[in-house]
PDB file of N, CA and C in Angstrom:
ATOM      1  N   MET A   1       8.363  -2.244 -28.193  1.00  0.00           N
ATOM      2  CA  MET A   1       8.196  -2.031 -26.778  1.00  0.00           C
ATOM      3  C   MET A   1       9.560  -2.143 -26.110  1.00  0.00           C
ATOM      4  N   GLN A   2       9.895  -1.150 -25.326  1.00  0.00           N
ATOM      5  CA  GLN A   2      11.159  -1.160 -24.606  1.00  0.00           C
ATOM      6  C   GLN A   2      10.956  -1.786 -23.239  1.00  0.00           C
ATOM      7  N   THR A   3      11.752  -2.798 -22.945  1.00  0.00           N
ATOM      8  CA  THR A   3      11.657  -3.418 -21.624  1.00  0.00           C
ATOM      9  C   THR A   3      13.043  -3.563 -21.031  1.00  0.00           C
ATOM     10  N   ASN A   4      13.062  -3.673 -19.733  1.00  0.00           N
ATOM     11  CA  ASN A   4      14.296  -3.888 -18.998  1.00  0.00           C
ATOM     12  C   ASN A   4      13.954  -4.858 -17.884  1.00  0.00           C
ATOM     13  N   ASN A   5      14.443  -6.103 -18.000  1.00  0.00           N
ATOM     14  CA  ASN A   5      14.108  -7.134 -17.026  1.00  0.00           C
ATOM     15  C   ASN A   5      12.597  -7.299 -16.912  1.00  0.00           C
ATOM     16  N   HIS A   6      11.939  -7.282 -18.070  1.00  0.00           N
ATOM     17  CA  HIS A   6      10.495  -7.455 -18.154  1.00  0.00           C
ATOM     18  C   HIS A   6       9.714  -6.319 -17.506  1.00  0.00           C
ATOM     19  N   LYS A   7      10.314  -5.168 -17.375  1.00  0.00           N
ATOM     20  CA  LYS A   7       9.640  -3.987 -16.874  1.00  0.00           C
ATOM     21  C   LYS A   7       9.443  -3.025 -18.034  1.00  0.00           C
ATOM     22  N   ILE A   8       8.276  -2.474 -18.130  1.00  0.00           N
ATOM     23  CA  ILE A   8       7.980  -1.542 -19.210  1.00  0.00           C
ATOM     24  C   ILE A   8       8.555  -0.178 -18.859  1.00  0.00           C
ATOM     25  N   ASN A   9       9.356   0.384 -19.773  1.00  0.00           N
ATOM     26  CA  ASN A   9       9.938   1.698 -19.557  1.00  0.00           C
ATOM     27  C   ASN A   9       9.068   2.817 -20.116  1.00  0.00           C
ATOM     28  N   ASP A  10       8.354   2.525 -21.187  1.00  0.00           N
ATOM     29  CA  ASP A  10       7.577   3.552 -21.860  1.00  0.00           C
ATOM     30  C   ASP A  10       6.193   2.995 -22.189  1.00  0.00           C
ATOM     31  N   PHE A  11       5.272   3.153 -21.241  1.00  0.00           N
ATOM     32  CA  PHE A  11       3.948   2.573 -21.434  1.00  0.00           C
ATOM     33  C   PHE A  11       3.189   3.263 -22.552  1.00  0.00           C
ATOM     34  N   SER A  12       3.443   4.544 -22.783  1.00  0.00           N
ATOM     35  CA  SER A  12       2.756   5.238 -23.868  1.00  0.00           C
ATOM     36  C   SER A  12       3.112   4.603 -25.217  1.00  0.00           C
ATOM     37  N   ALA A  13       4.325   4.106 -25.350  1.00  0.00           N
ATOM     38  CA  ALA A  13       4.723   3.427 -26.590  1.00  0.00           C
ATOM     39  C   ALA A  13       3.960   2.112 -26.742  1.00  0.00           C
ATOM     40  N   VAL A  14       3.751   1.410 -25.636  1.00  0.00           N
ATOM     41  CA  VAL A  14       2.992   0.161 -25.668  1.00  0.00           C
ATOM     42  C   VAL A  14       1.549   0.449 -26.093  1.00  0.00           C
ATOM     43  N   LEU A  15       0.947   1.468 -25.504  1.00  0.00           N
ATOM     44  CA  LEU A  15      -0.424   1.834 -25.870  1.00  0.00           C
ATOM     45  C   LEU A  15      -0.505   2.243 -27.339  1.00  0.00           C
ATOM     46  N   ALA A  16       0.441   3.026 -27.789  1.00  0.00           N
ATOM     47  CA  ALA A  16       0.441   3.478 -29.183  1.00  0.00           C
ATOM     48  C   ALA A  16       0.563   2.292 -30.141  1.00  0.00           C
ATOM     49  N   GLU A  17       1.403   1.340 -29.784  1.00  0.00           N
ATOM     50  CA  GLU A  17       1.601   0.172 -30.642  1.00  0.00           C
ATOM     51  C   GLU A  17       0.335  -0.679 -30.708  1.00  0.00           C
ATOM     52  N   LYS A  18      -0.307  -0.858 -29.574  1.00  0.00           N
ATOM     53  CA  LYS A  18      -1.457  -1.745 -29.510  1.00  0.00           C
ATOM     54  C   LYS A  18      -2.774  -1.070 -29.891  1.00  0.00           C
ATOM     55  N   PHE A  19      -2.948   0.196 -29.505  1.00  0.00           N
ATOM     56  CA  PHE A  19      -4.237   0.871 -29.682  1.00  0.00           C
ATOM     57  C   PHE A  19      -4.174   2.116 -30.561  1.00  0.00           C
ATOM     58  N   GLY A  20      -3.031   2.413 -31.136  1.00  0.00           N
ATOM     59  CA  GLY A  20      -2.896   3.569 -32.001  1.00  0.00           C
ATOM     60  C   GLY A  20      -2.338   4.770 -31.257  1.00  0.00           C
ATOM     61  N   ALA A  21      -1.785   5.679 -32.020  1.00  0.00           N
ATOM     62  CA  ALA A  21      -1.179   6.875 -31.431  1.00  0.00           C
ATOM     63  C   ALA A  21      -2.260   7.787 -30.865  1.00  0.00           C
ATOM     64  N   GLU A  22      -1.855   8.620 -29.899  1.00  0.00           N
ATOM     65  CA  GLU A  22      -2.788   9.587 -29.333  1.00  0.00           C
ATOM     66  C   GLU A  22      -3.325  10.464 -30.457  1.00  0.00           C
ATOM     67  N   GLY A  23      -4.617  10.747 -30.391  1.00  0.00           N
ATOM     68  CA  GLY A  23      -5.242  11.574 -31.411  1.00  0.00           C
ATOM     69  C   GLY A  23      -5.897  10.782 -32.531  1.00  0.00           C
ATOM     70  N   THR A  24      -5.627   9.476 -32.594  1.00  0.00           N
ATOM     71  CA  THR A  24      -6.266   8.656 -33.627  1.00  0.00           C
ATOM     72  C   THR A  24      -7.621   8.171 -33.139  1.00  0.00           C
ATOM     73  N   ALA A  25      -8.468   7.795 -34.071  1.00  0.00           N
ATOM     74  CA  ALA A  25      -9.792   7.289 -33.718  1.00  0.00           C
ATOM     75  C   ALA A  25      -9.703   6.008 -32.891  1.00  0.00           C
ATOM     76  N   GLN A  26      -8.740   5.149 -33.230  1.00  0.00           N
ATOM     77  CA  GLN A  26      -8.576   3.897 -32.493  1.00  0.00           C
ATOM     78  C   GLN A  26      -8.200   4.160 -31.038  1.00  0.00           C
ATOM     79  N   ARG A  27      -7.320   5.120 -30.818  1.00  0.00           N
ATOM     80  CA  ARG A  27      -6.887   5.441 -29.455  1.00  0.00           C
ATOM     81  C   ARG A  27      -8.018   6.098 -28.673  1.00  0.00           C
ATOM     82  N   ALA A  28      -8.788   6.962 -29.335  1.00  0.00           N
ATOM     83  CA  ALA A  28      -9.928   7.603 -28.679  1.00  0.00           C
ATOM     84  C   ALA A  28     -10.944   6.554 -28.246  1.00  0.00           C
ATOM     85  N   GLN A  29     -11.174   5.546 -29.092  1.00  0.00           N
ATOM     86  CA  GLN A  29     -12.112   4.477 -28.744  1.00  0.00           C
ATOM     87  C   GLN A  29     -11.583   3.669 -27.561  1.00  0.00           C
ATOM     88  N   PHE A  30     -10.286   3.382 -27.557  1.00  0.00           N
ATOM     89  CA  PHE A  30      -9.685   2.675 -26.428  1.00  0.00           C
ATOM     90  C   PHE A  30      -9.856   3.470 -25.138  1.00  0.00           C
ATOM     91  N   ASP A  31      -9.593   4.769 -25.196  1.00  0.00           N
ATOM     92  CA  ASP A  31      -9.740   5.619 -24.012  1.00  0.00           C
ATOM     93  C   ASP A  31     -11.171   5.597 -23.496  1.00  0.00           C
ATOM     94  N   GLU A  32     -12.144   5.706 -24.402  1.00  0.00           N
ATOM     95  CA  GLU A  32     -13.553   5.676 -23.992  1.00  0.00           C
ATOM     96  C   GLU A  32     -13.917   4.341 -23.356  1.00  0.00           C
ATOM     97  N   ASP A  33     -13.450   3.257 -23.958  1.00  0.00           N
ATOM     98  CA  ASP A  33     -13.718   1.927 -23.408  1.00  0.00           C
ATOM     99  C   ASP A  33     -13.078   1.769 -22.025  1.00  0.00           C
ATOM    100  N   ALA A  34     -11.883   2.308 -21.865  1.00  0.00           N
ATOM    101  CA  ALA A  34     -11.190   2.228 -20.577  1.00  0.00           C
ATOM    102  C   ALA A  34     -11.937   3.021 -19.510  1.00  0.00           C
ATOM    103  N   TYR A  35     -12.418   4.208 -19.859  1.00  0.00           N
ATOM    104  CA  TYR A  35     -13.195   5.010 -18.906  1.00  0.00           C
ATOM    105  C   TYR A  35     -14.498   4.304 -18.534  1.00  0.00           C
ATOM    106  N   SER A  36     -15.147   3.692 -19.503  1.00  0.00           N
ATOM    107  CA  SER A  36     -16.386   2.960 -19.218  1.00  0.00           C
ATOM    108  C   SER A  36     -16.118   1.801 -18.267  1.00  0.00           C
ATOM    109  N   PHE A  37     -15.039   1.064 -18.519  1.00  0.00           N
ATOM    110  CA  PHE A  37     -14.686  -0.056 -17.649  1.00  0.00           C
ATOM    111  C   PHE A  37     -14.383   0.442 -16.239  1.00  0.00           C
ATOM    112  N   TYR A  38     -13.601   1.504 -16.135  1.00  0.00           N
ATOM    113  CA  TYR A  38     -13.218   2.052 -14.840  1.00  0.00           C
ATOM    114  C   TYR A  38     -14.438   2.549 -14.064  1.00  0.00           C
ATOM    115  N   THR A  39     -15.325   3.252 -14.740  1.00  0.00           N
ATOM    116  CA  THR A  39     -16.547   3.736 -14.107  1.00  0.00           C
ATOM    117  C   THR A  39     -17.380   2.565 -13.601  1.00  0.00           C
ATOM    118  N   GLY A  40     -17.516   1.545 -14.418  1.00  0.00           N
ATOM    119  CA  GLY A  40     -18.271   0.355 -14.021  1.00  0.00           C
ATOM    120  C   GLY A  40     -17.675  -0.328 -12.807  1.00  0.00           C
ATOM    121  N   GLN A  41     -16.349  -0.412 -12.762  1.00  0.00           N
ATOM    122  CA  GLN A  41     -15.695  -1.046 -11.623  1.00  0.00           C
ATOM    123  C   GLN A  41     -15.871  -0.225 -10.347  1.00  0.00           C
ATOM    124  N   LEU A  42     -15.814   1.098 -10.465  1.00  0.00           N
ATOM    125  CA  LEU A  42     -16.053   1.952  -9.299  1.00  0.00           C
ATOM    126  C   LEU A  42     -17.442   1.710  -8.731  1.00  0.00           C
ATOM    127  N   ILE A  43     -18.428   1.671  -9.614  1.00  0.00           N
ATOM    128  CA  ILE A  43     -19.808   1.469  -9.178  1.00  0.00           C
ATOM    129  C   ILE A  43     -20.000   0.070  -8.616  1.00  0.00           C
ATOM    130  N   LEU A  44     -19.451  -0.930  -9.270  1.00  0.00           N
ATOM    131  CA  LEU A  44     -19.549  -2.308  -8.787  1.00  0.00           C
ATOM    132  C   LEU A  44     -18.951  -2.443  -7.389  1.00  0.00           C
ATOM    133  N   ASP A  45     -17.748  -1.927  -7.207  1.00  0.00           N
ATOM    134  CA  ASP A  45     -17.087  -2.018  -5.902  1.00  0.00           C
ATOM    135  C   ASP A  45     -17.879  -1.283  -4.822  1.00  0.00           C
ATOM    136  N   ALA A  46     -18.385  -0.107  -5.153  1.00  0.00           N
ATOM    137  CA  ALA A  46     -19.156   0.675  -4.180  1.00  0.00           C
ATOM    138  C   ALA A  46     -20.465  -0.030  -3.843  1.00  0.00           C
ATOM    139  N   ARG A  47     -21.098  -0.613  -4.838  1.00  0.00           N
ATOM    140  CA  ARG A  47     -22.360  -1.326  -4.595  1.00  0.00           C
ATOM    141  C   ARG A  47     -22.136  -2.528  -3.687  1.00  0.00           C
ATOM    142  N   LYS A  48     -21.091  -3.281  -3.957  1.00  0.00           N
ATOM    143  CA  LYS A  48     -20.793  -4.441  -3.112  1.00  0.00           C
ATOM    144  C   LYS A  48     -20.435  -4.022  -1.696  1.00  0.00           C
ATOM    145  N   GLU A  49     -19.684  -2.939  -1.581  1.00  0.00           N
ATOM    146  CA  GLU A  49     -19.321  -2.440  -0.255  1.00  0.00           C
ATOM    147  C   GLU A  49     -20.566  -2.005   0.523  1.00  0.00           C
ATOM    148  N   ALA A  50     -21.555  -1.485  -0.200  1.00  0.00           N
ATOM    149  CA  ALA A  50     -22.813  -1.072   0.426  1.00  0.00           C
ATOM    150  C   ALA A  50     -23.743  -2.270   0.659  1.00  0.00           C
ATOM    151  N   LYS A  51     -23.299  -3.456   0.248  1.00  0.00           N
ATOM    152  CA  LYS A  51     -24.085  -4.681   0.384  1.00  0.00           C
ATOM    153  C   LYS A  51     -25.474  -4.530  -0.259  1.00  0.00           C
ATOM    154  N   MET A  52     -25.438  -4.042  -1.484  1.00  0.00           N
ATOM    155  CA  MET A  52     -26.656  -3.771  -2.230  1.00  0.00           C
ATOM    156  C   MET A  52     -26.644  -4.602  -3.514  1.00  0.00           C
ATOM    157  N   THR A  53     -27.787  -5.116  -3.904  1.00  0.00           N
ATOM    158  CA  THR A  53     -27.883  -5.850  -5.166  1.00  0.00           C
ATOM    159  C   THR A  53     -28.069  -4.867  -6.311  1.00  0.00           C
ATOM    160  N   GLN A  54     -27.862  -5.370  -7.512  1.00  0.00           N
ATOM    161  CA  GLN A  54     -28.106  -4.540  -8.690  1.00  0.00           C
ATOM    162  C   GLN A  54     -29.566  -4.110  -8.731  1.00  0.00           C
ATOM    163  N   LYS A  55     -30.457  -5.015  -8.372  1.00  0.00           N
ATOM    164  CA  LYS A  55     -31.889  -4.700  -8.381  1.00  0.00           C
ATOM    165  C   LYS A  55     -32.206  -3.589  -7.386  1.00  0.00           C
ATOM    166  N   GLU A  56     -31.625  -3.663  -6.200  1.00  0.00           N
ATOM    167  CA  GLU A  56     -31.869  -2.626  -5.188  1.00  0.00           C
ATOM    168  C   GLU A  56     -31.353  -1.269  -5.661  1.00  0.00           C
ATOM    169  N   LEU A  57     -30.164  -1.273  -6.240  1.00  0.00           N
ATOM    170  CA  LEU A  57     -29.610  -0.019  -6.751  1.00  0.00           C
ATOM    171  C   LEU A  57     -30.491   0.536  -7.869  1.00  0.00           C
ATOM    172  N   ALA A  58     -30.909  -0.333  -8.773  1.00  0.00           N
ATOM    173  CA  ALA A  58     -31.764   0.094  -9.880  1.00  0.00           C
ATOM    174  C   ALA A  58     -33.061   0.715  -9.359  1.00  0.00           C
ATOM    175  N   GLU A  59     -33.654   0.089  -8.354  1.00  0.00           N
ATOM    176  CA  GLU A  59     -34.899   0.623  -7.794  1.00  0.00           C
ATOM    177  C   GLU A  59     -34.678   1.999  -7.161  1.00  0.00           C
ATOM    178  N   ARG A  60     -33.520   2.194  -6.530  1.00  0.00           N
ATOM    179  CA  ARG A  60     -33.238   3.478  -5.886  1.00  0.00           C
ATOM    180  C   ARG A  60     -33.062   4.618  -6.888  1.00  0.00           C
ATOM    181  N   ILE A  61     -32.632   4.278  -8.100  1.00  0.00           N
ATOM    182  CA  ILE A  61     -32.441   5.344  -9.100  1.00  0.00           C
ATOM    183  C   ILE A  61     -33.509   5.294 -10.192  1.00  0.00           C
ATOM    184  N   ASN A  62     -34.545   4.463  -9.945  1.00  0.00           N
ATOM    185  CA  ASN A  62     -35.646   4.343 -10.894  1.00  0.00           C
ATOM    186  C   ASN A  62     -35.161   3.866 -12.262  1.00  0.00           C
ATOM    187  N   SER A  63     -34.440   2.747 -12.243  1.00  0.00           N
ATOM    188  CA  SER A  63     -33.890   2.171 -13.458  1.00  0.00           C
ATOM    189  C   SER A  63     -34.120   0.666 -13.428  1.00  0.00           C
ATOM    190  N   THR A  64     -33.353  -0.065 -14.253  1.00  0.00           N
ATOM    191  CA  THR A  64     -33.499  -1.529 -14.294  1.00  0.00           C
ATOM    192  C   THR A  64     -32.198  -2.201 -13.881  1.00  0.00           C
ATOM    193  N   LYS A  65     -32.332  -3.438 -13.433  1.00  0.00           N
ATOM    194  CA  LYS A  65     -31.169  -4.248 -13.070  1.00  0.00           C
ATOM    195  C   LYS A  65     -30.258  -4.425 -14.285  1.00  0.00           C
ATOM    196  N   SER A  66     -30.847  -4.607 -15.447  1.00  0.00           N
ATOM    197  CA  SER A  66     -30.082  -4.782 -16.682  1.00  0.00           C
ATOM    198  C   SER A  66     -29.202  -3.567 -16.976  1.00  0.00           C
ATOM    199  N   TYR A  67     -29.761  -2.384 -16.748  1.00  0.00           N
ATOM    200  CA  TYR A  67     -29.003  -1.150 -16.985  1.00  0.00           C
ATOM    201  C   TYR A  67     -27.802  -1.071 -16.047  1.00  0.00           C
ATOM    202  N   ILE A  68     -28.012  -1.391 -14.779  1.00  0.00           N
ATOM    203  CA  ILE A  68     -26.911  -1.381 -13.799  1.00  0.00           C
ATOM    204  C   ILE A  68     -25.851  -2.403 -14.205  1.00  0.00           C
ATOM    205  N   SER A  69     -26.283  -3.569 -14.629  1.00  0.00           N
ATOM    206  CA  SER A  69     -25.351  -4.612 -15.070  1.00  0.00           C
ATOM    207  C   SER A  69     -24.511  -4.141 -16.252  1.00  0.00           C
ATOM    208  N   GLN A  70     -25.142  -3.488 -17.219  1.00  0.00           N
ATOM    209  CA  GLN A  70     -24.408  -2.994 -18.388  1.00  0.00           C
ATOM    210  C   GLN A  70     -23.370  -1.948 -17.989  1.00  0.00           C
ATOM    211  N   ILE A  71     -23.733  -1.094 -17.048  1.00  0.00           N
ATOM    212  CA  ILE A  71     -22.777  -0.092 -16.548  1.00  0.00           C
ATOM    213  C   ILE A  71     -21.606  -0.783 -15.864  1.00  0.00           C
ATOM    214  N   GLU A  72     -21.913  -1.726 -14.964  1.00  0.00           N
ATOM    215  CA  GLU A  72     -20.855  -2.401 -14.202  1.00  0.00           C
ATOM    216  C   GLU A  72     -19.927  -3.224 -15.080  1.00  0.00           C
ATOM    217  N   HIS A  73     -20.428  -3.693 -16.209  1.00  0.00           N
ATOM    218  CA  HIS A  73     -19.583  -4.463 -17.132  1.00  0.00           C
ATOM    219  C   HIS A  73     -18.874  -3.575 -18.152  1.00  0.00           C
ATOM    220  N   GLY A  74     -19.053  -2.259 -18.036  1.00  0.00           N
ATOM    221  CA  GLY A  74     -18.370  -1.331 -18.934  1.00  0.00           C
ATOM    222  C   GLY A  74     -18.942  -1.293 -20.331  1.00  0.00           C
ATOM    223  N   LEU A  75     -20.143  -1.831 -20.505  1.00  0.00           N
ATOM    224  CA  LEU A  75     -20.752  -1.863 -21.833  1.00  0.00           C
ATOM    225  C   LEU A  75     -21.348  -0.516 -22.217  1.00  0.00           C
ATOM    226  N   ILE A  76     -21.789   0.233 -21.207  1.00  0.00           N
ATOM    227  CA  ILE A  76     -22.310   1.575 -21.446  1.00  0.00           C
ATOM    228  C   ILE A  76     -21.773   2.496 -20.365  1.00  0.00           C
ATOM    229  N   THR A  77     -21.736   3.768 -20.673  1.00  0.00           N
ATOM    230  CA  THR A  77     -21.310   4.776 -19.708  1.00  0.00           C
ATOM    231  C   THR A  77     -22.536   5.587 -19.327  1.00  0.00           C
ATOM    232  N   PRO A  78     -22.825   5.689 -18.032  1.00  0.00           N
ATOM    233  CA  PRO A  78     -23.998   6.465 -17.638  1.00  0.00           C
ATOM    234  C   PRO A  78     -23.782   7.954 -17.901  1.00  0.00           C
ATOM    235  N   SER A  79     -24.873   8.661 -18.113  1.00  0.00           N
ATOM    236  CA  SER A  79     -24.776  10.116 -18.232  1.00  0.00           C
ATOM    237  C   SER A  79     -24.302  10.666 -16.892  1.00  0.00           C
ATOM    238  N   VAL A  80     -23.887  11.890 -16.893  1.00  0.00           N
ATOM    239  CA  VAL A  80     -23.415  12.516 -15.652  1.00  0.00           C
ATOM    240  C   VAL A  80     -24.521  12.518 -14.607  1.00  0.00           C
ATOM    241  N   SER A  81     -25.746  12.846 -15.012  1.00  0.00           N
ATOM    242  CA  SER A  81     -26.835  12.898 -14.038  1.00  0.00           C
ATOM    243  C   SER A  81     -27.128  11.517 -13.455  1.00  0.00           C
ATOM    244  N   VAL A  82     -27.087  10.482 -14.275  1.00  0.00           N
ATOM    245  CA  VAL A  82     -27.310   9.123 -13.771  1.00  0.00           C
ATOM    246  C   VAL A  82     -26.150   8.714 -12.858  1.00  0.00           C
ATOM    247  N   PHE A  83     -24.931   9.070 -13.234  1.00  0.00           N
ATOM    248  CA  PHE A  83     -23.776   8.750 -12.389  1.00  0.00           C
ATOM    249  C   PHE A  83     -23.947   9.367 -11.001  1.00  0.00           C
ATOM    250  N   TYR A  84     -24.353  10.630 -10.953  1.00  0.00           N
ATOM    251  CA  TYR A  84     -24.571  11.288  -9.665  1.00  0.00           C
ATOM    252  C   TYR A  84     -25.698  10.619  -8.878  1.00  0.00           C
ATOM    253  N   ARG A  85     -26.764  10.207  -9.560  1.00  0.00           N
ATOM    254  CA  ARG A  85     -27.852   9.512  -8.863  1.00  0.00           C
ATOM    255  C   ARG A  85     -27.373   8.195  -8.287  1.00  0.00           C
ATOM    256  N   ILE A  86     -26.551   7.475  -9.041  1.00  0.00           N
ATOM    257  CA  ILE A  86     -26.000   6.204  -8.559  1.00  0.00           C
ATOM    258  C   ILE A  86     -25.111   6.439  -7.339  1.00  0.00           C
ATOM    259  N   ILE A  87     -24.211   7.387  -7.453  1.00  0.00           N
ATOM    260  CA  ILE A  87     -23.296   7.693  -6.354  1.00  0.00           C
ATOM    261  C   ILE A  87     -24.080   8.080  -5.103  1.00  0.00           C
ATOM    262  N   ASN A  88     -25.090   8.911  -5.276  1.00  0.00           N
ATOM    263  CA  ASN A  88     -25.928   9.328  -4.152  1.00  0.00           C
ATOM    264  C   ASN A  88     -26.654   8.127  -3.541  1.00  0.00           C
ATOM    265  N   ALA A  89     -27.205   7.251  -4.379  1.00  0.00           N
ATOM    266  CA  ALA A  89     -27.923   6.067  -3.898  1.00  0.00           C
ATOM    267  C   ALA A  89     -27.008   5.123  -3.123  1.00  0.00           C
ATOM    268  N   LEU A  90     -25.728   5.161  -3.432  1.00  0.00           N
ATOM    269  CA  LEU A  90     -24.758   4.312  -2.739  1.00  0.00           C
ATOM    270  C   LEU A  90     -24.193   4.979  -1.489  1.00  0.00           C
ATOM    271  N   GLY A  91     -24.696   6.175  -1.181  1.00  0.00           N
ATOM    272  CA  GLY A  91     -24.237   6.880   0.018  1.00  0.00           C
ATOM    273  C   GLY A  91     -22.862   7.495  -0.137  1.00  0.00           C
ATOM    274  N   MET A  92     -22.483   7.773  -1.378  1.00  0.00           N
ATOM    275  CA  MET A  92     -21.177   8.356  -1.649  1.00  0.00           C
ATOM    276  C   MET A  92     -21.367   9.787  -2.148  1.00  0.00           C
ATOM    277  N   ARG A  93     -20.253  10.452  -2.388  1.00  0.00           N
ATOM    278  CA  ARG A  93     -20.306  11.784  -2.973  1.00  0.00           C
ATOM    279  C   ARG A  93     -19.140  11.952  -3.926  1.00  0.00           C
ATOM    280  N   VAL A  94     -19.302  12.871  -4.834  1.00  0.00           N
ATOM    281  CA  VAL A  94     -18.246  13.196  -5.784  1.00  0.00           C
ATOM    282  C   VAL A  94     -17.632  14.497  -5.333  1.00  0.00           C
ATOM    283  N   GLU A  95     -16.321  14.539  -5.299  1.00  0.00           N
ATOM    284  CA  GLU A  95     -15.607  15.745  -4.915  1.00  0.00           C
ATOM    285  C   GLU A  95     -14.741  16.183  -6.078  1.00  0.00           C
ATOM    286  N   ILE A  96     -14.948  17.409  -6.503  1.00  0.00           N
ATOM    287  CA  ILE A  96     -14.160  17.947  -7.615  1.00  0.00           C
ATOM    288  C   ILE A  96     -13.208  18.975  -7.034  1.00  0.00           C
ATOM    289  N   VAL A  97     -11.924  18.750  -7.270  1.00  0.00           N
ATOM    290  CA  VAL A  97     -10.907  19.648  -6.732  1.00  0.00           C
ATOM    291  C   VAL A  97      -9.963  20.080  -7.843  1.00  0.00           C
ATOM    292  N   LYS A  98      -9.397  21.262  -7.681  1.00  0.00           N
ATOM    293  CA  LYS A  98      -8.393  21.734  -8.621  1.00  0.00           C
ATOM    294  C   LYS A  98      -7.063  21.076  -8.286  1.00  0.00           C
ATOM    295  N   PRO A  99      -6.318  20.679  -9.308  1.00  0.00           N
ATOM    296  CA  PRO A  99      -4.995  20.104  -9.026  1.00  0.00           C
ATOM    297  C   PRO A  99      -4.068  21.164  -8.464  1.00  0.00           C
ATOM    298  N   ILE A 100      -3.127  20.722  -7.700  1.00  0.00           N
ATOM    299  CA  ILE A 100      -2.149  21.637  -7.086  1.00  0.00           C
ATOM    300  C   ILE A 100      -1.141  22.061  -8.101  1.00  0.00           C
TER     301      ILE A 100
END
């Protein structure tokens, strides 16, 4: 790992060292786990901002509190359709845009 005054210069090298090079199974698993965690945090933050309990959210999407908890903890990744139902239940929307 290359550092300068405790600052990381090449984060991709750090990831490769710790989780494997891009294209490896280990790195793919890390990426999936990171996306699951990030998705869970987005939903958790939005739910709290909406002042809604896990049970209330689960009832709105016809699911269980346990399922919402697993999503928020990054243990599972919801399907696209469930993600959209959750986002809708939280009064949010997804916007897909082309990069500039």
